[in-house]
Amino acid sequence: MKIVFLTPRFFPDIGGVEKHCFELSKRFVELGHKVTVVTAKSNVKQRDFEVVENIIVKRFSYHRVKFFGLLMIWFKLLGLNKLFRQADIIHIHDVVIWYLPLRVFLLNKKIYATFHGWEGKYPIPFVNILLKKFSRVLAYKVICIGSFIEKYYGVSADKVIYGGVDLRKFKVGKKVEGCLVYLGRLEKDTGLLKFLAWYKKNKSKYPNLLFCGDGSLKDLCQNYGKVLGFVDPLPYLKSAELCVPGGYLSALEALSCGCKLKLFWHNPVKKDYWLLSPFYSFQFSQKNLRAFLQGSDWSNIAKIYLKLWQKS
């Protein structure tokens, strides 16, 4: 099949959506499919065209100006209409609105979408909810990353998943007593401030605190532990007893390395982000964990996508 992914950002950019698209693309290439990723440039040094691990990547630039930037995106994507017209599968990650003009011209083309996370604003702006509902109308089938999306955005999912993990890479290692890893962005919307307040009271239990991440609260975090930046978390998770994940992918990687979880939130959306997921129960009990991790391996997540497309 010819598969086209439309995503706001892609490898080597760092983030959950970026990793999700990259890992899935690699699995589909391994299965013999042709994968093309259409995405925006995050900096001027990125090329318009390149091939990464047999994945074709087409990038475009646009001005980050409200409304005018969207018009530029529409113009750039219309220039790629032949690519979308010839695709067997068009799957869009979050930015369904980018595809709107092509949706008009390619009425017979079914599009699929994955809705990832939330925008970090609480209360969620009404325009964001409206945009998600509109995107759901345009998409034939939808995958939601987390059940909370259905609750807070009022959209129905054909399938709910929680990201993926490469079980070939993440394995249980020898634990170091008192080692705690915070894994994720160093921002308020992850519940980081709640964690730091908790850590003040529990520092004696976990004297070795590492932050695998970066963000606007980096300087504050350096008062509590060592900030490593966005590094490969594998060697640190292997030795950590406890992990505080910023999101689903972080939680999956931590559990795959045998870490216990401690979850934090600072508003109702982030609270339900965790409470409506399996990760909340996993911090208390390991029951059904192995089956969940096996089902969350990227190869099985790819099968979920294929099954969704084949139902059409």
Protein backbone atom coordinates (compact mmCIF):
# COMPACT_ATOMS: atom_id res chain seq x y z
CA MET A 1 0.00 0.00 0.00
CA LYS A 2 0.93 3.62 -0.46
CA ILE A 3 0.51 5.24 2.96
CA VAL A 4 0.67 8.99 3.53
CA PHE A 5 0.98 10.38 7.05
CA LEU A 6 0.25 14.07 7.55
CA THR A 7 1.68 15.27 10.86
CA PRO A 8 2.66 18.65 12.35
CA ARG A 9 6.20 17.46 13.16
CA PHE A 10 8.38 14.41 12.57
CA PHE A 11 11.73 12.83 13.41
CA PRO A 12 14.31 14.07 14.34
CA ASP A 13 12.06 16.44 16.30
CA ILE A 14 11.34 15.19 19.82
CA GLY A 15 7.84 14.55 21.11
CA GLY A 16 5.08 12.00 21.47
CA VAL A 17 3.46 12.59 18.07
CA GLU A 18 6.85 12.61 16.39
CA LYS A 19 7.86 9.29 17.92
CA HIS A 20 4.42 7.76 17.25
CA CYS A 21 4.61 8.55 13.53
CA PHE A 22 8.25 7.52 13.21
CA GLU A 23 7.87 4.15 14.93
CA LEU A 24 4.70 3.31 13.00
CA SER A 25 6.29 4.32 9.71
CA LYS A 26 9.24 2.00 10.36
CA ARG A 27 6.90 -0.92 11.06
CA PHE A 28 4.90 -0.35 7.88
CA VAL A 29 8.08 -0.14 5.81
CA GLU A 30 9.18 -3.45 7.34
CA LEU A 31 5.86 -4.92 6.21
CA GLY A 32 6.58 -3.84 2.63
CA HIS A 33 4.42 -0.73 2.40
CA LYS A 34 5.55 2.58 0.91
CA VAL A 35 5.32 5.33 3.52
CA THR A 36 5.48 9.05 2.83
CA VAL A 37 5.38 11.55 5.69
CA VAL A 38 4.26 15.10 4.95
CA THR A 39 5.17 17.51 7.71
CA ALA A 40 6.19 21.06 8.54
CA LYS A 41 9.75 22.19 9.08
CA SER A 42 10.70 23.00 12.66
CA ASN A 43 13.79 24.92 11.54
CA VAL A 44 15.27 26.30 8.32
CA LYS A 45 18.06 23.70 8.26
CA GLN A 46 15.68 20.81 7.59
CA ARG A 47 15.48 19.59 4.00
CA ASP A 48 12.41 19.73 1.79
CA PHE A 49 12.93 16.08 0.89
CA GLU A 50 14.83 13.21 2.46
CA VAL A 51 14.61 9.47 3.04
CA VAL A 52 14.93 8.31 6.65
CA GLU A 53 15.14 4.52 7.17
CA ASN A 54 13.30 4.02 3.85
CA ILE A 55 10.58 6.50 4.89
CA ILE A 56 10.04 9.30 2.39
CA VAL A 57 9.78 12.65 4.20
CA LYS A 58 8.44 15.77 2.49
CA ARG A 59 8.71 18.98 4.52
CA PHE A 60 7.37 22.48 3.93
CA SER A 61 7.77 25.80 5.71
CA TYR A 62 5.13 28.36 6.62
CA HIS A 63 4.86 31.56 8.64
CA ARG A 64 3.64 31.00 12.20
CA VAL A 65 1.03 33.74 11.87
CA LYS A 66 -2.59 33.07 12.75
CA PHE A 67 -4.88 32.47 9.73
CA PHE A 68 -2.18 33.54 7.24
CA GLY A 69 -0.05 30.58 8.30
CA LEU A 70 -2.98 28.22 7.72
CA LEU A 71 -3.51 29.68 4.25
CA MET A 72 0.15 29.00 3.47
CA ILE A 73 -0.23 25.40 4.65
CA TRP A 74 -3.28 24.90 2.45
CA PHE A 75 -1.37 26.30 -0.53
CA LYS A 76 1.64 24.03 0.11
CA LEU A 77 -0.50 20.90 0.49
CA LEU A 78 -2.52 21.66 -2.63
CA GLY A 79 0.82 21.52 -4.44
CA LEU A 80 1.10 17.90 -3.23
CA ASN A 81 -2.39 16.92 -4.43
CA LYS A 82 -0.98 14.22 -6.74
CA LEU A 83 0.68 12.48 -3.78
CA PHE A 84 -2.56 12.44 -1.79
CA ARG A 85 -4.64 11.45 -4.82
CA GLN A 86 -2.47 8.40 -5.51
CA ALA A 87 -2.32 7.28 -1.84
CA ASP A 88 -4.15 4.18 -0.74
CA ILE A 89 -4.29 5.45 2.84
CA ILE A 90 -4.24 9.03 4.13
CA HIS A 91 -3.84 9.19 7.90
CA ILE A 92 -3.63 12.54 9.66
CA HIS A 93 -2.21 13.11 13.12
CA ASP A 94 -4.13 15.94 14.82
CA VAL A 95 -3.95 18.52 12.02
CA VAL A 96 -7.03 17.49 10.03
CA ILE A 97 -7.75 21.17 9.37
CA TRP A 98 -4.57 21.31 7.26
CA TYR A 99 -6.16 18.87 4.85
CA LEU A 100 -9.45 20.78 4.41
CA PRO A 101 -8.96 22.09 0.80
CA LEU A 102 -7.78 18.65 -0.36
CA ARG A 103 -10.83 17.10 1.33
CA VAL A 104 -12.99 19.27 -0.89
CA PHE A 105 -11.13 18.32 -4.08
CA LEU A 106 -10.73 14.63 -3.20
CA LEU A 107 -14.24 13.89 -1.98
CA ASN A 108 -13.99 10.16 -2.72
CA LYS A 109 -10.84 9.77 -0.60
CA LYS A 110 -11.51 8.56 2.91
CA ILE A 111 -9.20 10.05 5.49
CA TYR A 112 -8.28 8.66 8.89
CA ALA A 113 -7.10 10.56 11.95
CA THR A 114 -5.35 10.08 15.25
CA PHE A 115 -6.02 12.59 18.01
CA HIS A 116 -3.05 12.96 20.35
CA GLY A 117 -3.26 14.44 23.84
CA TRP A 118 -4.41 17.98 24.49
CA GLU A 119 -3.06 21.49 24.01
CA GLY A 120 -2.04 22.03 27.64
CA LYS A 121 -4.60 24.77 28.31
CA TYR A 122 -7.24 24.53 31.01
CA PRO A 123 -10.11 25.13 30.69
CA ILE A 124 -9.87 23.81 27.16
CA PRO A 125 -10.68 26.71 24.80
CA PHE A 126 -14.03 26.26 23.07
CA VAL A 127 -12.43 26.79 19.66
CA ASN A 128 -10.16 23.77 20.31
CA ILE A 129 -13.17 21.60 21.15
CA LEU A 130 -15.00 22.84 18.07
CA LEU A 131 -12.00 22.13 15.85
CA LYS A 132 -11.74 18.58 17.20
CA LYS A 133 -15.43 17.95 16.58
CA PHE A 134 -15.10 19.31 13.03
CA SER A 135 -12.05 17.10 12.44
CA ARG A 136 -14.06 14.09 13.61
CA VAL A 137 -16.73 14.85 11.02
CA LEU A 138 -14.14 15.01 8.24
CA ALA A 139 -12.40 11.77 9.23
CA TYR A 140 -13.87 8.38 8.37
CA LYS A 141 -12.23 6.50 11.26
CA VAL A 142 -10.51 7.93 14.34
CA ILE A 143 -7.99 6.68 16.89
CA CYS A 144 -7.76 8.54 20.20
CA ILE A 145 -4.66 8.46 22.37
CA GLY A 146 -6.47 8.21 25.70
CA SER A 147 -10.13 7.98 26.69
CA PHE A 148 -10.09 11.47 28.17
CA ILE A 149 -10.24 12.91 24.64
CA GLU A 150 -13.73 11.50 24.13
CA LYS A 151 -14.85 12.97 27.45
CA TYR A 152 -13.45 16.48 27.11
CA TYR A 153 -13.75 17.05 23.37
CA GLY A 154 -17.04 15.23 22.85
CA VAL A 155 -15.76 13.05 19.98
CA SER A 156 -16.23 9.32 19.47
CA ALA A 157 -13.25 7.07 18.84
CA ASP A 158 -13.23 3.92 16.74
CA LYS A 159 -10.24 2.79 18.79
CA VAL A 160 -8.55 4.07 21.96
CA ILE A 161 -4.86 3.33 22.48
CA TYR A 162 -2.11 4.72 24.71
CA GLY A 163 0.86 4.98 22.40
CA GLY A 164 3.46 2.28 21.91
CA VAL A 165 6.79 0.92 23.07
CA ASP A 166 9.60 -1.09 21.49
CA LEU A 167 9.82 -4.15 23.73
CA ARG A 168 12.97 -5.26 21.90
CA LYS A 169 14.70 -2.19 23.30
CA PHE A 170 13.23 -1.64 26.77
CA LYS A 171 14.03 -4.42 29.22
CA VAL A 172 14.05 -4.76 33.00
CA GLY A 173 17.46 -3.95 34.50
CA LYS A 174 19.15 -4.00 37.90
CA LYS A 175 17.57 -1.40 40.15
CA VAL A 176 19.49 1.14 42.25
CA GLU A 177 17.89 1.90 45.60
CA GLY A 178 16.60 5.46 45.90
CA CYS A 179 16.82 6.21 42.15
CA LEU A 180 13.90 8.23 40.77
CA VAL A 181 13.52 9.41 37.16
CA TYR A 182 11.21 12.16 35.96
CA LEU A 183 10.62 11.49 32.28
CA GLY A 184 8.98 14.13 30.09
CA ARG A 185 8.72 17.83 29.35
CA LEU A 186 9.59 20.19 32.20
CA GLU A 187 6.37 22.18 31.98
CA LYS A 188 3.45 23.03 34.29
CA ASP A 189 0.86 21.13 32.23
CA THR A 190 2.57 17.79 33.00
CA GLY A 191 1.88 18.12 36.74
CA LEU A 192 5.56 18.84 37.41
CA LEU A 193 4.96 21.40 40.18
CA LYS A 194 2.79 18.91 42.07
CA PHE A 195 5.58 16.37 41.80
CA LEU A 196 8.20 18.79 43.13
CA ALA A 197 5.98 19.58 46.14
CA TRP A 198 5.67 15.83 46.80
CA TYR A 199 9.39 15.30 46.34
CA LYS A 200 10.26 17.86 49.03
CA LYS A 201 8.53 15.59 51.55
CA ASN A 202 9.98 12.34 50.17
CA LYS A 203 13.53 13.31 49.24
CA SER A 204 15.03 11.02 51.87
CA LYS A 205 13.47 7.98 50.15
CA TYR A 206 14.74 8.99 46.71
CA PRO A 207 17.98 10.97 47.09
CA ASN A 208 18.99 10.29 43.48
CA LEU A 209 16.63 12.32 41.26
CA LEU A 210 17.20 12.59 37.51
CA PHE A 211 15.19 14.62 35.01
CA CYS A 212 15.16 13.15 31.49
CA GLY A 213 13.59 16.10 29.74
CA ASP A 214 13.75 19.83 29.16
CA GLY A 215 11.47 22.83 29.24
CA SER A 216 10.72 26.22 30.78
CA LEU A 217 11.03 24.86 34.35
CA LYS A 218 14.54 23.51 33.83
CA ASP A 219 16.20 25.99 36.23
CA LEU A 220 13.69 25.16 38.97
CA CYS A 221 14.26 21.42 38.54
CA GLN A 222 18.03 21.84 38.90
CA ASN A 223 17.42 22.76 42.54
CA TYR A 224 16.08 19.25 43.15
CA GLY A 225 18.15 16.95 40.95
CA LYS A 226 20.20 16.59 37.80
CA VAL A 227 18.61 17.73 34.54
CA LEU A 228 19.89 15.59 31.66
CA GLY A 229 17.83 17.10 28.86
CA PHE A 230 16.13 15.05 26.16
CA VAL A 231 18.38 12.00 26.27
CA ASP A 232 17.80 8.32 25.63
CA PRO A 233 16.03 7.35 28.89
CA LEU A 234 16.79 3.63 28.60
CA PRO A 235 19.95 3.43 30.78
CA TYR A 236 18.34 5.58 33.48
CA LEU A 237 15.03 3.71 33.53
CA LYS A 238 16.83 0.39 33.80
CA SER A 239 18.34 1.44 37.12
CA ALA A 240 15.42 3.51 38.46
CA GLU A 241 13.08 2.19 41.15
CA LEU A 242 10.41 4.80 40.50
CA CYS A 243 9.44 6.87 37.47
CA VAL A 244 7.25 9.95 37.28
CA PRO A 245 6.09 10.05 33.63
CA GLY A 246 4.94 13.19 31.88
CA GLY A 247 2.76 11.25 29.46
CA TYR A 248 1.68 7.88 28.13
CA LEU A 249 4.82 7.09 26.12
CA SER A 250 7.01 7.84 29.13
CA ALA A 251 4.83 5.58 31.30
CA LEU A 252 5.03 2.72 28.79
CA GLU A 253 8.81 2.95 28.57
CA ALA A 254 9.13 3.06 32.37
CA LEU A 255 6.88 0.04 32.90
CA SER A 256 8.81 -1.88 30.23
CA CYS A 257 11.97 -1.32 32.27
CA GLY A 258 10.38 -2.60 35.46
CA CYS A 259 9.88 0.81 37.11
CA LYS A 260 7.02 1.59 39.44
CA LEU A 261 4.95 4.65 38.54
CA LYS A 262 3.96 7.73 40.50
CA LEU A 263 1.44 9.96 38.72
CA PHE A 264 0.70 13.65 39.19
CA TRP A 265 -1.79 16.17 37.78
CA HIS A 266 -2.73 19.80 38.37
CA ASN A 267 -6.16 20.15 36.74
CA PRO A 268 -9.21 17.96 35.96
CA VAL A 269 -8.11 17.25 32.37
CA LYS A 270 -4.71 15.91 33.40
CA LYS A 271 -6.36 14.05 36.27
CA ASP A 272 -8.67 12.17 33.89
CA TYR A 273 -5.77 11.79 31.46
CA TRP A 274 -4.37 9.37 34.03
CA LEU A 275 -7.48 8.11 35.86
CA LEU A 276 -9.18 6.99 32.63
CA SER A 277 -6.06 5.10 31.54
CA PRO A 278 -4.64 1.71 32.64
CA PHE A 279 -1.57 3.46 34.06
CA TYR A 280 -3.41 4.62 37.17
CA SER A 281 -4.05 1.04 38.31
CA PHE A 282 -0.54 -0.06 37.33
CA GLN A 283 0.98 2.24 39.95
CA PHE A 284 -0.77 0.11 42.59
CA SER A 285 -0.83 -3.35 40.98
CA GLN A 286 1.09 -5.18 38.24
CA LYS A 287 -1.97 -7.27 37.31
CA ASN A 288 -2.37 -7.70 33.54
CA LEU A 289 0.71 -5.53 32.96
CA ARG A 290 2.54 -8.03 30.74
CA ALA A 291 -0.44 -8.46 28.41
CA PHE A 292 -0.89 -4.68 28.21
CA LEU A 293 2.76 -4.11 27.32
CA GLN A 294 2.72 -6.84 24.67
CA GLY A 295 -0.39 -5.29 23.14
CA SER A 296 1.34 -1.90 23.19
CA ASP A 297 4.42 -3.03 21.28
CA TRP A 298 4.75 -0.88 18.16
CA SER A 299 4.32 -3.93 15.93
CA ASN A 300 0.90 -4.56 17.50
CA ILE A 301 -0.03 -0.88 17.32
CA ALA A 302 0.72 -1.08 13.58
CA LYS A 303 -1.69 -4.03 13.35
CA ILE A 304 -4.39 -1.90 15.00
CA TYR A 305 -3.92 0.73 12.30
CA LEU A 306 -4.01 -1.88 9.54
CA LYS A 307 -7.18 -3.42 10.95
CA LEU A 308 -8.83 0.00 11.10
CA TRP A 309 -7.96 0.70 7.47
CA GLN A 310 -8.93 -2.77 6.25
CA LYS A 311 -12.39 -2.46 7.78
CA SER A 312 -13.02 0.18 5.15
